[in-house]
Amino acid sequence: MEKIFCEKFKRIIKNKQKLEKNLGIKITINKEEIIIDGPAENEYVAEKIIEALDFGFPFTVALLIKEEDLIFEALNIKNYTKRKDLTTVRARIIGKDGKTLSTLHQLTKCYFELKDNSVGIIGEPEHIRNANEAIISLARGAKHSNVYTFLEKNQIKPVFDLGLKEQKKPKKKKK
């Protein structure tokens, strides 16, 4: 049994049945406290999904944590900059009209979300490392072009499947 304190618990209430069905767990909600009950592995995945939903990620993106074996990680930008004005640092990470975040999404194949002074990242473990480096570099004041060049040079090459991982059965389309 796992307990989580959540600010945006209304989003969890709204998607409670979908979460229980997809994750094979039981969710109980008491005010801002969410109690997860089920197998340990499912509880861990549910905890990460609920953290991602609380962070502000859309429900479909948060569910990718289970469906595509992605991970969720949060970075506090205060830890990587000496600036007192964190609004400027957040603006550098977002970019004009969100252009920097969309470019980072394309180059790293990760999903990004900002909440207060933290940046949430959902992606494959190999890609998260580059995404972390990019966010840290931007927070420290690196030029955007240098960060993009770094990401282009350090693209993760696709891993060939050796047949060791269980294959997911394709979903049948309903007529």
C-alpha atoms as a PDB file:
ATOM      1  CA  MET A   1       0.000   0.000   0.000  1.00  0.00           C
ATOM      2  CA  GLU A   2       1.436   3.343  -1.071  1.00  0.00           C
ATOM      3  CA  LYS A   3       0.341   6.851   0.047  1.00  0.00           C
ATOM      4  CA  ILE A   4       0.846   9.928  -2.120  1.00  0.00           C
ATOM      5  CA  PHE A   5      -0.013  13.559  -1.419  1.00  0.00           C
ATOM      6  CA  CYS A   6      -1.291  15.262  -4.542  1.00  0.00           C
ATOM      7  CA  GLU A   7      -2.187  18.891  -5.321  1.00  0.00           C
ATOM      8  CA  LYS A   8      -4.199  18.164  -8.466  1.00  0.00           C
ATOM      9  CA  PHE A   9      -6.216  15.287  -7.051  1.00  0.00           C
ATOM     10  CA  LYS A  10      -9.263  16.290  -9.140  1.00  0.00           C
ATOM     11  CA  ARG A  11      -7.404  15.059 -12.245  1.00  0.00           C
ATOM     12  CA  ILE A  12      -6.878  11.728 -10.480  1.00  0.00           C
ATOM     13  CA  ILE A  13     -10.556  11.501  -9.497  1.00  0.00           C
ATOM     14  CA  LYS A  14     -11.557  12.231 -13.100  1.00  0.00           C
ATOM     15  CA  ASN A  15      -9.341   9.408 -14.442  1.00  0.00           C
ATOM     16  CA  LYS A  16      -9.620   7.028 -11.472  1.00  0.00           C
ATOM     17  CA  GLN A  17     -11.448   4.224 -13.299  1.00  0.00           C
ATOM     18  CA  LYS A  18      -9.080   4.319 -16.291  1.00  0.00           C
ATOM     19  CA  LEU A  19      -6.057   4.213 -13.982  1.00  0.00           C
ATOM     20  CA  GLU A  20      -7.442   1.292 -11.972  1.00  0.00           C
ATOM     21  CA  LYS A  21      -8.283  -0.653 -15.117  1.00  0.00           C
ATOM     22  CA  ASN A  22      -4.966  -0.014 -16.931  1.00  0.00           C
ATOM     23  CA  LEU A  23      -2.713  -0.518 -13.914  1.00  0.00           C
ATOM     24  CA  GLY A  24      -4.514  -3.327 -12.059  1.00  0.00           C
ATOM     25  CA  ILE A  25      -4.657  -1.426  -8.774  1.00  0.00           C
ATOM     26  CA  LYS A  26      -7.218   0.024  -6.359  1.00  0.00           C
ATOM     27  CA  ILE A  27      -7.137   3.787  -5.725  1.00  0.00           C
ATOM     28  CA  THR A  28      -8.685   5.361  -2.610  1.00  0.00           C
ATOM     29  CA  ILE A  29      -8.811   9.151  -2.325  1.00  0.00           C
ATOM     30  CA  ASN A  30      -9.094  11.024   1.013  1.00  0.00           C
ATOM     31  CA  LYS A  31      -8.934  14.789   0.404  1.00  0.00           C
ATOM     32  CA  GLU A  32      -5.373  15.329  -0.921  1.00  0.00           C
ATOM     33  CA  GLU A  33      -4.107  11.875   0.047  1.00  0.00           C
ATOM     34  CA  ILE A  34      -4.168   9.109  -2.543  1.00  0.00           C
ATOM     35  CA  ILE A  35      -3.783   5.505  -1.402  1.00  0.00           C
ATOM     36  CA  ILE A  36      -2.702   2.927  -3.985  1.00  0.00           C
ATOM     37  CA  ASP A  37      -3.256  -0.755  -3.288  1.00  0.00           C
ATOM     38  CA  GLY A  38      -2.140  -3.600  -5.544  1.00  0.00           C
ATOM     39  CA  PRO A  39       0.918  -5.600  -6.574  1.00  0.00           C
ATOM     40  CA  ALA A  40       4.203  -3.828  -5.728  1.00  0.00           C
ATOM     41  CA  GLU A  41       5.286  -3.367  -9.371  1.00  0.00           C
ATOM     42  CA  ASN A  42       1.905  -1.909 -10.328  1.00  0.00           C
ATOM     43  CA  GLU A  43       1.967   0.378  -7.270  1.00  0.00           C
ATOM     44  CA  TYR A  44       5.345   1.777  -8.326  1.00  0.00           C
ATOM     45  CA  VAL A  45       4.171   2.448 -11.890  1.00  0.00           C
ATOM     46  CA  ALA A  46       0.924   3.982 -10.592  1.00  0.00           C
ATOM     47  CA  GLU A  47       2.902   6.230  -8.247  1.00  0.00           C
ATOM     48  CA  LYS A  48       5.031   7.519 -11.131  1.00  0.00           C
ATOM     49  CA  ILE A  49       1.948   8.082 -13.317  1.00  0.00           C
ATOM     50  CA  ILE A  50       0.164   9.968 -10.528  1.00  0.00           C
ATOM     51  CA  GLU A  51       3.287  12.091  -9.932  1.00  0.00           C
ATOM     52  CA  ALA A  52       3.364  12.914 -13.658  1.00  0.00           C
ATOM     53  CA  LEU A  53      -0.341  13.838 -13.628  1.00  0.00           C
ATOM     54  CA  ASP A  54       0.204  15.994 -10.542  1.00  0.00           C
ATOM     55  CA  PHE A  55       3.133  17.660 -12.304  1.00  0.00           C
ATOM     56  CA  GLY A  56       0.798  18.689 -15.142  1.00  0.00           C
ATOM     57  CA  PHE A  57       1.369  16.143 -17.905  1.00  0.00           C
ATOM     58  CA  PRO A  58      -1.668  15.197 -20.020  1.00  0.00           C
ATOM     59  CA  PHE A  59      -3.287  11.861 -19.099  1.00  0.00           C
ATOM     60  CA  THR A  60      -2.296  10.201 -22.394  1.00  0.00           C
ATOM     61  CA  VAL A  61       1.371  11.168 -21.956  1.00  0.00           C
ATOM     62  CA  ALA A  62       1.432  10.044 -18.315  1.00  0.00           C
ATOM     63  CA  LEU A  63       0.033   6.626 -19.304  1.00  0.00           C
ATOM     64  CA  LEU A  64       2.988   6.136 -21.670  1.00  0.00           C
ATOM     65  CA  ILE A  65       5.052   5.427 -18.547  1.00  0.00           C
ATOM     66  CA  LYS A  66       3.374   2.018 -18.346  1.00  0.00           C
ATOM     67  CA  GLU A  67       2.553   1.332 -21.980  1.00  0.00           C
ATOM     68  CA  GLU A  68       5.946   2.116 -23.519  1.00  0.00           C
ATOM     69  CA  ASP A  69       8.268   1.575 -20.518  1.00  0.00           C
ATOM     70  CA  LEU A  70       9.135   5.272 -20.222  1.00  0.00           C
ATOM     71  CA  ILE A  71      10.318   6.904 -17.007  1.00  0.00           C
ATOM     72  CA  PHE A  72       9.387  10.152 -15.268  1.00  0.00           C
ATOM     73  CA  GLU A  73      12.022  12.423 -13.793  1.00  0.00           C
ATOM     74  CA  ALA A  74      11.874  15.931 -12.330  1.00  0.00           C
ATOM     75  CA  LEU A  75      14.701  18.485 -12.220  1.00  0.00           C
ATOM     76  CA  ASN A  76      14.725  21.496  -9.916  1.00  0.00           C
ATOM     77  CA  ILE A  77      16.309  24.353 -11.876  1.00  0.00           C
ATOM     78  CA  LYS A  78      17.307  26.129  -8.631  1.00  0.00           C
ATOM     79  CA  ASN A  79      20.026  23.520  -8.196  1.00  0.00           C
ATOM     80  CA  TYR A  80      21.693  24.405 -11.517  1.00  0.00           C
ATOM     81  CA  THR A  81      21.727  28.200 -11.647  1.00  0.00           C
ATOM     82  CA  LYS A  82      23.141  31.002  -9.508  1.00  0.00           C
ATOM     83  CA  ARG A  83      20.542  33.484 -10.710  1.00  0.00           C
ATOM     84  CA  LYS A  84      18.000  34.805  -8.242  1.00  0.00           C
ATOM     85  CA  ASP A  85      15.510  35.641 -11.024  1.00  0.00           C
ATOM     86  CA  LEU A  86      14.208  32.187 -11.914  1.00  0.00           C
ATOM     87  CA  THR A  87      11.530  33.679 -14.198  1.00  0.00           C
ATOM     88  CA  THR A  88      14.261  34.438 -16.746  1.00  0.00           C
ATOM     89  CA  VAL A  89      15.637  30.898 -16.470  1.00  0.00           C
ATOM     90  CA  ARG A  90      12.168  29.400 -16.992  1.00  0.00           C
ATOM     91  CA  ALA A  91      11.671  31.712 -19.988  1.00  0.00           C
ATOM     92  CA  ARG A  92      14.958  30.471 -21.514  1.00  0.00           C
ATOM     93  CA  ILE A  93      13.796  26.867 -21.131  1.00  0.00           C
ATOM     94  CA  ILE A  94      10.343  27.534 -22.599  1.00  0.00           C
ATOM     95  CA  GLY A  95      11.512  29.827 -25.401  1.00  0.00           C
ATOM     96  CA  LYS A  96       9.429  32.213 -27.458  1.00  0.00           C
ATOM     97  CA  ASP A  97       5.964  30.700 -27.933  1.00  0.00           C
ATOM     98  CA  GLY A  98       7.287  27.387 -26.520  1.00  0.00           C
ATOM     99  CA  LYS A  99       9.675  26.928 -29.418  1.00  0.00           C
ATOM    100  CA  THR A 100      12.630  25.793 -27.274  1.00  0.00           C
ATOM    101  CA  LEU A 101      10.573  23.104 -25.548  1.00  0.00           C
ATOM    102  CA  SER A 102       9.211  21.819 -28.860  1.00  0.00           C
ATOM    103  CA  THR A 103      12.739  21.696 -30.327  1.00  0.00           C
ATOM    104  CA  LEU A 104      13.974  19.816 -27.247  1.00  0.00           C
ATOM    105  CA  HIS A 105      11.036  17.410 -27.645  1.00  0.00           C
ATOM    106  CA  GLN A 106      11.991  16.727 -31.270  1.00  0.00           C
ATOM    107  CA  LEU A 107      15.702  16.275 -30.553  1.00  0.00           C
ATOM    108  CA  THR A 108      15.371  14.142 -27.406  1.00  0.00           C
ATOM    109  CA  LYS A 109      12.075  12.329 -28.068  1.00  0.00           C
ATOM    110  CA  CYS A 110      11.041  13.246 -24.498  1.00  0.00           C
ATOM    111  CA  TYR A 111       7.986  15.075 -23.174  1.00  0.00           C
ATOM    112  CA  PHE A 112       8.560  18.195 -21.042  1.00  0.00           C
ATOM    113  CA  GLU A 113       6.378  20.059 -18.565  1.00  0.00           C
ATOM    114  CA  LEU A 114       7.231  23.004 -16.278  1.00  0.00           C
ATOM    115  CA  LYS A 115       5.810  23.431 -12.789  1.00  0.00           C
ATOM    116  CA  ASP A 116       7.067  26.269 -10.594  1.00  0.00           C
ATOM    117  CA  ASN A 117      10.868  25.882 -10.570  1.00  0.00           C
ATOM    118  CA  SER A 118      10.912  22.276 -11.758  1.00  0.00           C
ATOM    119  CA  VAL A 119      11.024  20.643 -15.154  1.00  0.00           C
ATOM    120  CA  GLY A 120       9.335  17.256 -15.562  1.00  0.00           C
ATOM    121  CA  ILE A 121      10.620  14.881 -18.231  1.00  0.00           C
ATOM    122  CA  ILE A 122       9.016  11.688 -19.524  1.00  0.00           C
ATOM    123  CA  GLY A 123      11.042   9.575 -21.920  1.00  0.00           C
ATOM    124  CA  GLU A 124      13.151   6.514 -22.468  1.00  0.00           C
ATOM    125  CA  PRO A 125      16.036   6.206 -19.988  1.00  0.00           C
ATOM    126  CA  GLU A 126      18.633   6.650 -22.749  1.00  0.00           C
ATOM    127  CA  HIS A 127      16.999   9.862 -23.974  1.00  0.00           C
ATOM    128  CA  ILE A 128      16.420  11.311 -20.487  1.00  0.00           C
ATOM    129  CA  ARG A 129      20.178  11.705 -19.953  1.00  0.00           C
ATOM    130  CA  ASN A 130      20.485  14.043 -22.957  1.00  0.00           C
ATOM    131  CA  ALA A 131      17.304  15.893 -21.975  1.00  0.00           C
ATOM    132  CA  ASN A 132      18.712  16.487 -18.468  1.00  0.00           C
ATOM    133  CA  GLU A 133      21.967  17.819 -19.920  1.00  0.00           C
ATOM    134  CA  ALA A 134      20.053  20.169 -22.225  1.00  0.00           C
ATOM    135  CA  ILE A 135      17.875  21.584 -19.433  1.00  0.00           C
ATOM    136  CA  ILE A 136      20.873  22.007 -17.105  1.00  0.00           C
ATOM    137  CA  SER A 137      22.868  23.756 -19.849  1.00  0.00           C
ATOM    138  CA  LEU A 138      20.014  26.165 -20.572  1.00  0.00           C
ATOM    139  CA  ALA A 139      19.565  26.872 -16.851  1.00  0.00           C
ATOM    140  CA  ARG A 140      23.269  27.678 -16.557  1.00  0.00           C
ATOM    141  CA  GLY A 141      23.040  30.122 -19.467  1.00  0.00           C
ATOM    142  CA  ALA A 142      24.357  28.181 -22.463  1.00  0.00           C
ATOM    143  CA  LYS A 143      23.358  29.411 -25.916  1.00  0.00           C
ATOM    144  CA  HIS A 144      20.369  27.639 -27.398  1.00  0.00           C
ATOM    145  CA  SER A 145      22.286  26.836 -30.573  1.00  0.00           C
ATOM    146  CA  ASN A 146      25.054  25.138 -28.559  1.00  0.00           C
ATOM    147  CA  VAL A 147      22.504  22.997 -26.723  1.00  0.00           C
ATOM    148  CA  TYR A 148      20.813  21.996 -29.993  1.00  0.00           C
ATOM    149  CA  THR A 149      24.202  21.129 -31.534  1.00  0.00           C
ATOM    150  CA  PHE A 150      25.056  18.979 -28.509  1.00  0.00           C
ATOM    151  CA  LEU A 151      21.742  17.124 -28.833  1.00  0.00           C
ATOM    152  CA  GLU A 152      22.191  16.597 -32.580  1.00  0.00           C
ATOM    153  CA  LYS A 153      25.705  15.211 -32.105  1.00  0.00           C
ATOM    154  CA  ASN A 154      24.645  12.929 -29.256  1.00  0.00           C
ATOM    155  CA  GLN A 155      21.566  11.378 -30.828  1.00  0.00           C
ATOM    156  CA  ILE A 156      20.780   7.954 -29.383  1.00  0.00           C
ATOM    157  CA  LYS A 157      21.110   5.284 -32.018  1.00  0.00           C
ATOM    158  CA  PRO A 158      18.225   2.790 -32.165  1.00  0.00           C
ATOM    159  CA  VAL A 159      18.818  -0.470 -30.345  1.00  0.00           C
ATOM    160  CA  PHE A 160      18.154  -3.575 -32.376  1.00  0.00           C
ATOM    161  CA  ASP A 161      15.824  -6.040 -30.707  1.00  0.00           C
ATOM    162  CA  LEU A 162      17.519  -9.348 -30.007  1.00  0.00           C
ATOM    163  CA  GLY A 163      14.245 -11.011 -29.070  1.00  0.00           C
ATOM    164  CA  LEU A 164      14.957 -10.944 -25.344  1.00  0.00           C
ATOM    165  CA  LYS A 165      12.120  -8.624 -24.358  1.00  0.00           C
ATOM    166  CA  GLU A 166       8.545  -9.876 -24.355  1.00  0.00           C
ATOM    167  CA  GLN A 167       6.599  -8.574 -27.310  1.00  0.00           C
ATOM    168  CA  LYS A 168       3.288  -6.846 -26.709  1.00  0.00           C
ATOM    169  CA  LYS A 169       0.405  -8.311 -28.619  1.00  0.00           C
ATOM    170  CA  PRO A 170      -1.084  -5.901 -31.155  1.00  0.00           C
ATOM    171  CA  LYS A 171      -4.534  -4.629 -30.250  1.00  0.00           C
ATOM    172  CA  LYS A 172      -7.337  -5.826 -32.464  1.00  0.00           C
ATOM    173  CA  LYS A 173      -9.356  -3.133 -34.129  1.00  0.00           C
ATOM    174  CA  LYS A 174     -13.082  -3.122 -33.472  1.00  0.00           C
ATOM    175  CA  LYS A 175     -15.309  -2.946 -36.505  1.00  0.00           C
END
